[in-house]
Amino acid sequence: MIVKAKASFVMTSPRKLRLVVDAVRGLSPKAAIDQLKMLPKRAAGVLLSVFEQAMGNAKNNFKLSPENLKIKSLSINDGPRGPKRMDRSHGARFDRGVKRRKYAHVNLELEEKTYGK
């Protein structure tokens, strides 16, 4: 059974999210949640909400125990880039063109541990 959770159009650059994902990649979901609560990064809060969403989906929708889950895949994809607003005089003019704000998509898949196979 595969449990999915995602967050779309996260207003954090994918590079910063990937740094936090690398810290929790090999852990179980419960250990990853504990680790994310302690990390002093803004991206950790985004990933924490995605993990809690996946754990809630597993418990309520599929009646799975949180102890029997493992991370199947955790990916950070690039989202669209929007204009970065600069509120000051001549804010629309830059030296090297328009600055772009980076967005990201977070995809998490959990699966049930299989024993003896």
C-alpha atoms as a PDB file:
ATOM      1  CA  MET A   1       0.000   0.000   0.000  1.00  0.00           C
ATOM      2  CA  ILE A   2       1.443   3.347  -1.054  1.00  0.00           C
ATOM      3  CA  VAL A   3       0.474   6.507   0.811  1.00  0.00           C
ATOM      4  CA  LYS A   4       1.056   9.815  -0.974  1.00  0.00           C
ATOM      5  CA  ALA A   5       1.292  13.392   0.236  1.00  0.00           C
ATOM      6  CA  LYS A   6       2.416  16.520  -1.555  1.00  0.00           C
ATOM      7  CA  ALA A   7       2.809  20.253  -1.228  1.00  0.00           C
ATOM      8  CA  SER A   8       2.650  22.339  -4.383  1.00  0.00           C
ATOM      9  CA  PHE A   9       3.892  25.849  -5.077  1.00  0.00           C
ATOM     10  CA  VAL A  10       5.998  26.088  -1.921  1.00  0.00           C
ATOM     11  CA  MET A  11       7.600  29.521  -1.803  1.00  0.00           C
ATOM     12  CA  THR A  12      11.081  28.214  -1.001  1.00  0.00           C
ATOM     13  CA  SER A  13      13.811  27.458  -3.480  1.00  0.00           C
ATOM     14  CA  PRO A  14      14.217  23.775  -4.350  1.00  0.00           C
ATOM     15  CA  ARG A  15      17.889  23.872  -3.431  1.00  0.00           C
ATOM     16  CA  LYS A  16      17.148  24.868   0.166  1.00  0.00           C
ATOM     17  CA  LEU A  17      14.507  22.160   0.466  1.00  0.00           C
ATOM     18  CA  ARG A  18      16.873  19.519  -0.911  1.00  0.00           C
ATOM     19  CA  LEU A  19      19.431  20.363   1.789  1.00  0.00           C
ATOM     20  CA  VAL A  20      16.877  19.500   4.471  1.00  0.00           C
ATOM     21  CA  VAL A  21      15.636  16.411   2.603  1.00  0.00           C
ATOM     22  CA  ASP A  22      19.163  14.998   2.546  1.00  0.00           C
ATOM     23  CA  ALA A  23      19.204  15.148   6.347  1.00  0.00           C
ATOM     24  CA  VAL A  24      16.123  12.892   6.697  1.00  0.00           C
ATOM     25  CA  ARG A  25      16.338  10.687   3.612  1.00  0.00           C
ATOM     26  CA  GLY A  26      17.280   7.328   5.194  1.00  0.00           C
ATOM     27  CA  LEU A  27      15.146   7.628   8.319  1.00  0.00           C
ATOM     28  CA  SER A  28      11.777   6.168   9.203  1.00  0.00           C
ATOM     29  CA  PRO A  29       8.849   8.622   9.022  1.00  0.00           C
ATOM     30  CA  LYS A  30       8.583   8.892  12.827  1.00  0.00           C
ATOM     31  CA  ALA A  31      12.318   9.580  13.165  1.00  0.00           C
ATOM     32  CA  ALA A  32      12.158  12.056  10.268  1.00  0.00           C
ATOM     33  CA  ILE A  33       9.387  14.012  12.013  1.00  0.00           C
ATOM     34  CA  ASP A  34      11.453  14.167  15.213  1.00  0.00           C
ATOM     35  CA  GLN A  35      14.500  15.310  13.232  1.00  0.00           C
ATOM     36  CA  LEU A  36      12.538  17.999  11.346  1.00  0.00           C
ATOM     37  CA  LYS A  37      11.167  19.438  14.580  1.00  0.00           C
ATOM     38  CA  MET A  38      14.721  20.097  15.739  1.00  0.00           C
ATOM     39  CA  LEU A  39      16.184  21.576  12.540  1.00  0.00           C
ATOM     40  CA  PRO A  40      16.461  25.391  12.559  1.00  0.00           C
ATOM     41  CA  LYS A  41      15.593  25.802   8.867  1.00  0.00           C
ATOM     42  CA  ARG A  42      12.448  27.311   7.398  1.00  0.00           C
ATOM     43  CA  ALA A  43      12.269  24.475   4.877  1.00  0.00           C
ATOM     44  CA  ALA A  44      11.996  21.988   7.753  1.00  0.00           C
ATOM     45  CA  GLY A  45       8.558  23.367   8.612  1.00  0.00           C
ATOM     46  CA  VAL A  46       7.306  22.739   5.085  1.00  0.00           C
ATOM     47  CA  LEU A  47       8.601  19.172   5.078  1.00  0.00           C
ATOM     48  CA  LEU A  48       7.214  18.584   8.561  1.00  0.00           C
ATOM     49  CA  SER A  49       3.712  19.445   7.387  1.00  0.00           C
ATOM     50  CA  VAL A  50       4.048  17.084   4.400  1.00  0.00           C
ATOM     51  CA  PHE A  51       5.216  14.232   6.655  1.00  0.00           C
ATOM     52  CA  GLU A  52       2.365  14.829   9.100  1.00  0.00           C
ATOM     53  CA  GLN A  53      -0.097  14.883   6.207  1.00  0.00           C
ATOM     54  CA  ALA A  54       1.231  11.536   4.940  1.00  0.00           C
ATOM     55  CA  MET A  55       1.064   9.972   8.396  1.00  0.00           C
ATOM     56  CA  GLY A  56      -2.512  11.195   8.796  1.00  0.00           C
ATOM     57  CA  ASN A  57      -3.438   9.791   5.385  1.00  0.00           C
ATOM     58  CA  ALA A  58      -1.966   6.416   6.331  1.00  0.00           C
ATOM     59  CA  LYS A  59      -3.806   6.290   9.642  1.00  0.00           C
ATOM     60  CA  ASN A  60      -7.216   7.627   8.619  1.00  0.00           C
ATOM     61  CA  ASN A  61      -7.592   6.559   4.987  1.00  0.00           C
ATOM     62  CA  PHE A  62      -5.729   3.232   4.924  1.00  0.00           C
ATOM     63  CA  LYS A  63      -5.819   2.161   8.621  1.00  0.00           C
ATOM     64  CA  LEU A  64      -2.034   1.614   8.674  1.00  0.00           C
ATOM     65  CA  SER A  65       0.120   1.768  11.774  1.00  0.00           C
ATOM     66  CA  PRO A  66       2.756   4.537  11.736  1.00  0.00           C
ATOM     67  CA  GLU A  67       5.426   2.131  13.034  1.00  0.00           C
ATOM     68  CA  ASN A  68       5.102  -0.126   9.953  1.00  0.00           C
ATOM     69  CA  LEU A  69       5.814   2.613   7.390  1.00  0.00           C
ATOM     70  CA  LYS A  70       8.966   3.522   5.507  1.00  0.00           C
ATOM     71  CA  ILE A  71       9.828   6.234   3.002  1.00  0.00           C
ATOM     72  CA  LYS A  72       9.551   4.961  -0.545  1.00  0.00           C
ATOM     73  CA  SER A  73      10.408   8.223  -2.286  1.00  0.00           C
ATOM     74  CA  LEU A  74      10.858  11.845  -1.321  1.00  0.00           C
ATOM     75  CA  SER A  75      11.445  14.256  -4.175  1.00  0.00           C
ATOM     76  CA  ILE A  76      11.704  18.006  -4.565  1.00  0.00           C
ATOM     77  CA  ASN A  77      10.787  19.260  -8.030  1.00  0.00           C
ATOM     78  CA  ASP A  78      11.138  22.729  -9.507  1.00  0.00           C
ATOM     79  CA  GLY A  79       7.980  24.765  -9.693  1.00  0.00           C
ATOM     80  CA  PRO A  80       7.240  27.801 -11.813  1.00  0.00           C
ATOM     81  CA  ARG A  81       9.153  31.009 -11.391  1.00  0.00           C
ATOM     82  CA  GLY A  82       7.272  34.194 -10.681  1.00  0.00           C
ATOM     83  CA  PRO A  83       8.335  37.823 -10.639  1.00  0.00           C
ATOM     84  CA  LYS A  84      10.015  39.089  -7.507  1.00  0.00           C
ATOM     85  CA  ARG A  85       8.433  42.336  -6.425  1.00  0.00           C
ATOM     86  CA  MET A  86      10.741  45.174  -5.472  1.00  0.00           C
ATOM     87  CA  ASP A  87       8.948  48.013  -3.689  1.00  0.00           C
ATOM     88  CA  ARG A  88      11.191  51.002  -4.203  1.00  0.00           C
ATOM     89  CA  SER A  89      11.708  53.711  -6.743  1.00  0.00           C
ATOM     90  CA  HIS A  90      12.397  52.279 -10.190  1.00  0.00           C
ATOM     91  CA  GLY A  91      11.825  48.819  -8.740  1.00  0.00           C
ATOM     92  CA  ALA A  92      10.950  47.329 -12.095  1.00  0.00           C
ATOM     93  CA  ARG A  93      14.373  48.162 -13.537  1.00  0.00           C
ATOM     94  CA  PHE A  94      17.331  45.943 -12.802  1.00  0.00           C
ATOM     95  CA  ASP A  95      20.820  45.706 -14.156  1.00  0.00           C
ATOM     96  CA  ARG A  96      20.434  42.185 -15.548  1.00  0.00           C
ATOM     97  CA  GLY A  97      16.710  41.754 -16.198  1.00  0.00           C
ATOM     98  CA  VAL A  98      13.800  40.795 -13.962  1.00  0.00           C
ATOM     99  CA  LYS A  99      14.535  38.829 -10.801  1.00  0.00           C
ATOM    100  CA  ARG A 100      12.531  35.632 -10.421  1.00  0.00           C
ATOM    101  CA  ARG A 101      11.121  34.034  -7.279  1.00  0.00           C
ATOM    102  CA  LYS A 102      11.629  30.271  -7.082  1.00  0.00           C
ATOM    103  CA  TYR A 103       8.856  27.812  -6.177  1.00  0.00           C
ATOM    104  CA  ALA A 104       9.039  24.082  -5.482  1.00  0.00           C
ATOM    105  CA  HIS A 105       6.833  20.984  -5.363  1.00  0.00           C
ATOM    106  CA  VAL A 106       7.325  18.361  -2.631  1.00  0.00           C
ATOM    107  CA  ASN A 107       6.235  14.747  -3.298  1.00  0.00           C
ATOM    108  CA  LEU A 108       6.346  12.088  -0.571  1.00  0.00           C
ATOM    109  CA  GLU A 109       5.419   8.425  -0.867  1.00  0.00           C
ATOM    110  CA  LEU A 110       5.304   6.062   2.106  1.00  0.00           C
ATOM    111  CA  GLU A 111       4.900   2.312   1.906  1.00  0.00           C
ATOM    112  CA  GLU A 112       4.289  -0.484   4.352  1.00  0.00           C
ATOM    113  CA  LYS A 113       7.318  -2.483   5.469  1.00  0.00           C
ATOM    114  CA  THR A 114       7.362  -6.061   4.198  1.00  0.00           C
ATOM    115  CA  TYR A 115       8.847  -8.705   6.448  1.00  0.00           C
ATOM    116  CA  GLY A 116      10.354 -11.924   5.157  1.00  0.00           C
ATOM    117  CA  LYS A 117      10.053 -11.242   1.435  1.00  0.00           C
END
